[in-house]
N, C-alpha and C. Protein backbone atom coordinates (compact mmCIF):
# COMPACT_ATOMS: atom_id res chain seq x y z
N MET A 1 -89.54 67.59 114.57
CA MET A 1 -88.32 67.87 115.31
C MET A 1 -87.07 67.35 114.59
N GLU A 2 -87.15 67.36 113.28
CA GLU A 2 -86.01 66.96 112.45
C GLU A 2 -84.79 67.83 112.73
N LEU A 3 -85.02 69.13 112.87
CA LEU A 3 -83.91 70.07 113.10
C LEU A 3 -83.22 69.76 114.41
N LEU A 4 -83.97 69.38 115.43
CA LEU A 4 -83.36 69.04 116.74
C LEU A 4 -82.45 67.83 116.60
N LYS A 5 -82.89 66.81 115.89
CA LYS A 5 -82.07 65.60 115.70
C LYS A 5 -80.81 65.93 114.88
N GLN A 6 -80.97 66.73 113.85
CA GLN A 6 -79.84 67.13 113.03
C GLN A 6 -78.82 67.93 113.85
N THR A 7 -79.33 68.82 114.68
CA THR A 7 -78.46 69.65 115.52
C THR A 7 -77.68 68.77 116.50
N GLU A 8 -78.37 67.80 117.11
CA GLU A 8 -77.70 66.89 118.04
C GLU A 8 -76.61 66.08 117.32
N ARG A 9 -76.91 65.64 116.12
CA ARG A 9 -75.93 64.86 115.35
C ARG A 9 -74.73 65.73 114.98
N LEU A 10 -74.95 66.98 114.61
CA LEU A 10 -73.83 67.88 114.32
C LEU A 10 -72.98 68.16 115.56
N GLN A 11 -73.64 68.24 116.71
CA GLN A 11 -72.88 68.43 117.95
C GLN A 11 -71.98 67.22 118.21
N GLN A 12 -72.47 66.03 117.93
CA GLN A 12 -71.66 64.82 118.11
C GLN A 12 -70.48 64.82 117.12
N TYR A 13 -70.75 65.17 115.88
CA TYR A 13 -69.68 65.26 114.89
C TYR A 13 -68.64 66.29 115.31
N LEU A 14 -69.11 67.40 115.82
CA LEU A 14 -68.21 68.48 116.23
C LEU A 14 -67.24 67.99 117.29
N THR A 15 -67.74 67.26 118.26
CA THR A 15 -66.88 66.72 119.33
C THR A 15 -65.88 65.73 118.77
N SER A 16 -66.33 64.84 117.90
CA SER A 16 -65.41 63.85 117.35
C SER A 16 -64.35 64.50 116.43
N LEU A 17 -64.73 65.56 115.73
CA LEU A 17 -63.76 66.27 114.91
C LEU A 17 -62.71 66.97 115.77
N ARG A 18 -63.14 67.54 116.88
CA ARG A 18 -62.18 68.18 117.78
C ARG A 18 -61.20 67.14 118.32
N ASP A 19 -61.71 65.97 118.70
CA ASP A 19 -60.83 64.90 119.19
C ASP A 19 -59.84 64.49 118.11
N LYS A 20 -60.32 64.39 116.87
CA LYS A 20 -59.44 64.03 115.75
C LYS A 20 -58.34 65.06 115.59
N PHE A 21 -58.70 66.34 115.65
CA PHE A 21 -57.72 67.42 115.53
C PHE A 21 -56.66 67.34 116.63
N GLU A 22 -57.11 67.08 117.86
CA GLU A 22 -56.19 67.09 119.00
C GLU A 22 -55.32 65.84 119.07
N GLN A 23 -55.77 64.72 118.51
CA GLN A 23 -55.07 63.46 118.68
C GLN A 23 -54.32 62.99 117.43
N SER A 24 -54.54 63.66 116.31
CA SER A 24 -53.93 63.21 115.05
C SER A 24 -52.70 64.04 114.69
N GLU A 25 -51.90 63.46 113.86
CA GLU A 25 -50.75 64.15 113.29
C GLU A 25 -51.12 64.61 111.88
N PRO A 26 -50.55 65.70 111.43
CA PRO A 26 -50.84 66.11 110.04
C PRO A 26 -50.36 65.06 109.04
N PRO A 27 -51.02 64.96 107.90
CA PRO A 27 -50.56 63.99 106.89
C PRO A 27 -49.17 64.36 106.40
N GLU A 28 -48.39 63.35 106.06
CA GLU A 28 -47.04 63.61 105.57
C GLU A 28 -47.06 64.39 104.27
N ASN A 29 -47.97 64.00 103.39
CA ASN A 29 -48.09 64.68 102.10
C ASN A 29 -49.53 65.11 101.92
N LYS A 30 -49.77 66.41 101.95
CA LYS A 30 -51.13 66.92 101.84
C LYS A 30 -51.73 66.71 100.46
N LYS A 31 -50.92 66.35 99.49
CA LYS A 31 -51.42 66.10 98.13
C LYS A 31 -51.61 64.62 97.85
N ASP A 32 -51.54 63.79 98.90
CA ASP A 32 -51.69 62.36 98.77
C ASP A 32 -53.12 62.02 98.31
N ARG A 33 -53.25 61.37 97.18
CA ARG A 33 -54.55 61.06 96.58
C ARG A 33 -55.36 60.12 97.48
N GLU A 34 -54.72 59.10 98.04
CA GLU A 34 -55.43 58.16 98.91
C GLU A 34 -56.00 58.86 100.15
N PHE A 35 -55.20 59.77 100.72
CA PHE A 35 -55.67 60.50 101.89
C PHE A 35 -56.87 61.38 101.52
N PHE A 36 -56.78 62.02 100.37
CA PHE A 36 -57.89 62.86 99.89
C PHE A 36 -59.17 62.04 99.75
N ILE A 37 -59.06 60.86 99.17
CA ILE A 37 -60.22 60.00 98.97
C ILE A 37 -60.80 59.56 100.32
N LEU A 38 -59.93 59.22 101.26
CA LEU A 38 -60.37 58.86 102.61
C LEU A 38 -61.15 60.00 103.27
N VAL A 39 -60.59 61.20 103.19
CA VAL A 39 -61.24 62.39 103.78
C VAL A 39 -62.59 62.62 103.12
N LYS A 40 -62.61 62.51 101.81
CA LYS A 40 -63.85 62.73 101.06
C LYS A 40 -64.93 61.74 101.48
N GLU A 41 -64.57 60.48 101.63
CA GLU A 41 -65.55 59.47 102.03
C GLU A 41 -66.04 59.67 103.46
N GLU A 42 -65.10 60.00 104.35
CA GLU A 42 -65.47 60.16 105.77
C GLU A 42 -66.29 61.43 106.01
N THR A 43 -66.09 62.45 105.21
CA THR A 43 -66.77 63.73 105.44
C THR A 43 -68.07 63.87 104.66
N LYS A 44 -68.28 63.02 103.68
CA LYS A 44 -69.47 63.15 102.84
C LYS A 44 -70.78 63.18 103.67
N PRO A 45 -70.97 62.24 104.63
CA PRO A 45 -72.23 62.29 105.38
C PRO A 45 -72.36 63.57 106.22
N ILE A 46 -71.24 64.12 106.66
CA ILE A 46 -71.30 65.35 107.45
C ILE A 46 -71.72 66.52 106.57
N TYR A 47 -71.14 66.60 105.37
CA TYR A 47 -71.52 67.66 104.43
C TYR A 47 -73.00 67.57 104.07
N GLU A 48 -73.49 66.36 103.83
CA GLU A 48 -74.90 66.18 103.49
C GLU A 48 -75.80 66.61 104.65
N LEU A 49 -75.45 66.19 105.85
CA LEU A 49 -76.22 66.59 107.03
C LEU A 49 -76.18 68.08 107.21
N LEU A 50 -75.03 68.68 107.00
CA LEU A 50 -74.86 70.13 107.16
C LEU A 50 -75.76 70.90 106.20
N ASN A 51 -75.85 70.45 104.98
CA ASN A 51 -76.71 71.12 103.99
C ASN A 51 -78.19 71.01 104.38
N LYS A 52 -78.60 69.82 104.83
CA LYS A 52 -79.99 69.64 105.27
C LYS A 52 -80.27 70.47 106.51
N TRP A 53 -79.29 70.48 107.44
CA TRP A 53 -79.46 71.24 108.68
C TRP A 53 -79.63 72.73 108.37
N GLU A 54 -78.80 73.25 107.46
CA GLU A 54 -78.89 74.69 107.12
C GLU A 54 -80.28 74.99 106.55
N GLU A 55 -80.75 74.15 105.69
CA GLU A 55 -82.08 74.36 105.08
C GLU A 55 -83.17 74.39 106.15
N HIS A 56 -83.14 73.38 107.05
CA HIS A 56 -84.15 73.33 108.12
C HIS A 56 -83.99 74.47 109.11
N ALA A 57 -82.75 74.82 109.43
CA ALA A 57 -82.51 75.91 110.39
C ALA A 57 -83.00 77.25 109.83
N LEU A 58 -82.73 77.51 108.57
CA LEU A 58 -83.19 78.76 107.96
C LEU A 58 -84.74 78.81 107.93
N HIS A 59 -85.34 77.66 107.69
CA HIS A 59 -86.80 77.58 107.72
C HIS A 59 -87.32 77.88 109.13
N ALA A 60 -86.66 77.34 110.13
CA ALA A 60 -87.06 77.56 111.53
C ALA A 60 -86.87 79.02 111.92
N VAL A 61 -85.82 79.65 111.42
CA VAL A 61 -85.59 81.08 111.69
C VAL A 61 -86.70 81.89 111.06
N LYS A 62 -87.03 81.57 109.83
CA LYS A 62 -88.08 82.30 109.11
C LYS A 62 -89.41 82.19 109.83
N ASN A 63 -89.71 81.02 110.39
CA ASN A 63 -90.96 80.79 111.10
C ASN A 63 -90.88 81.18 112.58
N ARG A 64 -89.78 81.79 112.96
CA ARG A 64 -89.55 82.26 114.34
C ARG A 64 -89.62 81.13 115.39
N GLU A 65 -89.19 79.95 114.99
CA GLU A 65 -89.12 78.83 115.92
C GLU A 65 -87.84 78.91 116.76
N VAL A 66 -86.81 79.52 116.19
CA VAL A 66 -85.55 79.74 116.91
C VAL A 66 -85.15 81.20 116.73
N GLN A 67 -84.48 81.70 117.75
CA GLN A 67 -84.10 83.12 117.76
C GLN A 67 -82.62 83.32 117.41
N VAL A 68 -82.27 82.93 116.21
CA VAL A 68 -80.92 83.22 115.71
C VAL A 68 -81.08 83.94 114.38
N HIS A 69 -80.06 84.64 113.99
CA HIS A 69 -80.08 85.39 112.74
C HIS A 69 -79.75 84.45 111.59
N PRO A 70 -80.37 84.62 110.44
CA PRO A 70 -80.05 83.76 109.29
C PRO A 70 -78.56 83.73 108.96
N HIS A 71 -77.90 84.85 109.16
CA HIS A 71 -76.47 84.91 108.87
C HIS A 71 -75.68 83.98 109.80
N GLN A 72 -76.16 83.82 111.04
CA GLN A 72 -75.49 82.91 111.98
C GLN A 72 -75.57 81.47 111.48
N VAL A 73 -76.70 81.12 110.90
CA VAL A 73 -76.89 79.76 110.38
C VAL A 73 -75.91 79.52 109.22
N SER A 74 -75.86 80.45 108.29
CA SER A 74 -74.96 80.30 107.13
C SER A 74 -73.51 80.29 107.57
N SER A 75 -73.16 81.16 108.49
CA SER A 75 -71.78 81.21 109.00
C SER A 75 -71.41 79.92 109.71
N THR A 76 -72.36 79.35 110.42
CA THR A 76 -72.10 78.09 111.12
C THR A 76 -71.81 76.98 110.12
N ARG A 77 -72.55 76.92 109.04
CA ARG A 77 -72.29 75.92 107.99
C ARG A 77 -70.89 76.14 107.41
N GLU A 78 -70.57 77.36 107.08
CA GLU A 78 -69.25 77.66 106.51
C GLU A 78 -68.13 77.33 107.48
N ASN A 79 -68.31 77.68 108.73
CA ASN A 79 -67.30 77.39 109.76
C ASN A 79 -67.13 75.90 109.96
N MET A 80 -68.23 75.17 109.92
CA MET A 80 -68.16 73.71 110.08
C MET A 80 -67.39 73.09 108.91
N GLU A 81 -67.59 73.61 107.72
CA GLU A 81 -66.85 73.10 106.55
C GLU A 81 -65.36 73.36 106.72
N LEU A 82 -65.00 74.54 107.20
CA LEU A 82 -63.59 74.85 107.47
C LEU A 82 -63.02 73.91 108.54
N LEU A 83 -63.79 73.73 109.59
CA LEU A 83 -63.35 72.90 110.70
C LEU A 83 -63.14 71.45 110.25
N LEU A 84 -64.01 70.99 109.36
CA LEU A 84 -63.87 69.64 108.81
C LEU A 84 -62.49 69.44 108.19
N MET A 85 -62.11 70.36 107.33
CA MET A 85 -60.82 70.23 106.65
C MET A 85 -59.65 70.38 107.62
N HIS A 86 -59.76 71.31 108.55
CA HIS A 86 -58.68 71.50 109.53
C HIS A 86 -58.55 70.28 110.43
N SER A 87 -59.64 69.56 110.66
CA SER A 87 -59.60 68.37 111.52
C SER A 87 -58.81 67.23 110.88
N TYR A 88 -58.81 67.17 109.58
CA TYR A 88 -58.09 66.11 108.87
C TYR A 88 -56.67 66.54 108.49
N TYR A 89 -56.56 67.74 107.99
CA TYR A 89 -55.25 68.19 107.51
C TYR A 89 -54.38 68.84 108.58
N ILE A 90 -54.98 69.11 109.75
CA ILE A 90 -54.27 69.70 110.88
C ILE A 90 -53.42 70.88 110.40
N ASP A 91 -54.06 71.80 109.70
CA ASP A 91 -53.30 72.91 109.10
C ASP A 91 -53.74 74.28 109.64
N ALA A 92 -54.28 74.29 110.84
CA ALA A 92 -54.63 75.55 111.47
C ALA A 92 -54.03 75.57 112.88
N ARG A 93 -53.76 76.76 113.36
CA ARG A 93 -53.28 76.87 114.74
C ARG A 93 -54.41 76.48 115.67
N ARG A 94 -54.05 75.97 116.83
CA ARG A 94 -55.05 75.52 117.79
C ARG A 94 -56.00 76.65 118.17
N LYS A 95 -55.47 77.86 118.35
CA LYS A 95 -56.31 78.99 118.73
C LYS A 95 -57.39 79.25 117.68
N ARG A 96 -57.01 79.26 116.42
CA ARG A 96 -57.97 79.48 115.34
C ARG A 96 -59.00 78.36 115.26
N TYR A 97 -58.52 77.15 115.43
CA TYR A 97 -59.40 75.99 115.40
C TYR A 97 -60.44 76.11 116.51
N MET A 98 -60.01 76.47 117.71
CA MET A 98 -60.93 76.56 118.86
C MET A 98 -61.90 77.74 118.70
N GLU A 99 -61.48 78.80 118.02
CA GLU A 99 -62.40 79.89 117.74
C GLU A 99 -63.56 79.42 116.85
N LEU A 100 -63.20 78.67 115.81
CA LEU A 100 -64.22 78.10 114.93
C LEU A 100 -65.12 77.15 115.71
N TYR A 101 -64.50 76.28 116.49
CA TYR A 101 -65.22 75.28 117.28
C TYR A 101 -66.25 75.96 118.19
N LYS A 102 -65.80 76.94 118.93
CA LYS A 102 -66.70 77.62 119.89
C LYS A 102 -67.80 78.39 119.22
N SER A 103 -67.50 78.97 118.06
CA SER A 103 -68.51 79.70 117.31
C SER A 103 -69.60 78.75 116.82
N ILE A 104 -69.20 77.61 116.30
CA ILE A 104 -70.17 76.59 115.84
C ILE A 104 -70.97 76.07 117.02
N LEU A 105 -70.28 75.73 118.08
CA LEU A 105 -70.94 75.16 119.26
C LEU A 105 -71.97 76.13 119.84
N TYR A 106 -71.64 77.41 119.86
CA TYR A 106 -72.56 78.41 120.40
C TYR A 106 -73.89 78.40 119.66
N VAL A 107 -73.84 78.41 118.34
CA VAL A 107 -75.07 78.44 117.54
C VAL A 107 -75.84 77.12 117.67
N LEU A 108 -75.11 76.00 117.60
CA LEU A 108 -75.77 74.70 117.74
C LEU A 108 -76.44 74.57 119.10
N ASP A 109 -75.73 74.99 120.15
CA ASP A 109 -76.30 74.92 121.50
C ASP A 109 -77.53 75.82 121.64
N GLN A 110 -77.46 77.02 121.05
CA GLN A 110 -78.58 77.93 121.12
C GLN A 110 -79.81 77.33 120.42
N ILE A 111 -79.62 76.78 119.23
CA ILE A 111 -80.73 76.17 118.52
C ILE A 111 -81.27 74.96 119.28
N HIS A 112 -80.37 74.13 119.76
CA HIS A 112 -80.77 72.94 120.53
C HIS A 112 -81.59 73.34 121.76
N HIS A 113 -81.11 74.33 122.48
CA HIS A 113 -81.80 74.78 123.69
C HIS A 113 -83.21 75.29 123.39
N GLU A 114 -83.34 76.09 122.35
CA GLU A 114 -84.64 76.65 122.01
C GLU A 114 -85.61 75.60 121.51
N LEU A 115 -85.13 74.64 120.75
CA LEU A 115 -86.02 73.60 120.24
C LEU A 115 -86.43 72.61 121.31
N SER A 116 -85.54 72.34 122.25
CA SER A 116 -85.88 71.37 123.29
C SER A 116 -86.78 71.98 124.35
N GLN A 117 -86.91 73.29 124.38
CA GLN A 117 -87.80 73.95 125.33
C GLN A 117 -89.24 74.00 124.83
N SER A 118 -89.39 73.92 123.50
CA SER A 118 -90.76 74.05 122.95
C SER A 118 -91.47 72.73 122.87
């Protein structure tokens, strides 16, 4: 049930990233080296988890353990990467941010629901 734990962890990260987006101000200088290093350090574990999650999720799709399309898994990873950057740099409109958020949440919830039922 590694995929279930990874999915739950990504759901937690997703919520905290949304809170960060809603409560933070954009950086004064987007080219600030110190800010870039901070973002890189804080997001590294999320990127690593995301890569492992994608691998496990695609394996689960292949073995018909979850009923999502492989493209949904890949798109979720890509959308999460976009959302990560928007959460720190606050450089997307709220509507666009929430579209990404809901898209990611939908797939994570679907996978979580199917895995916790089995």
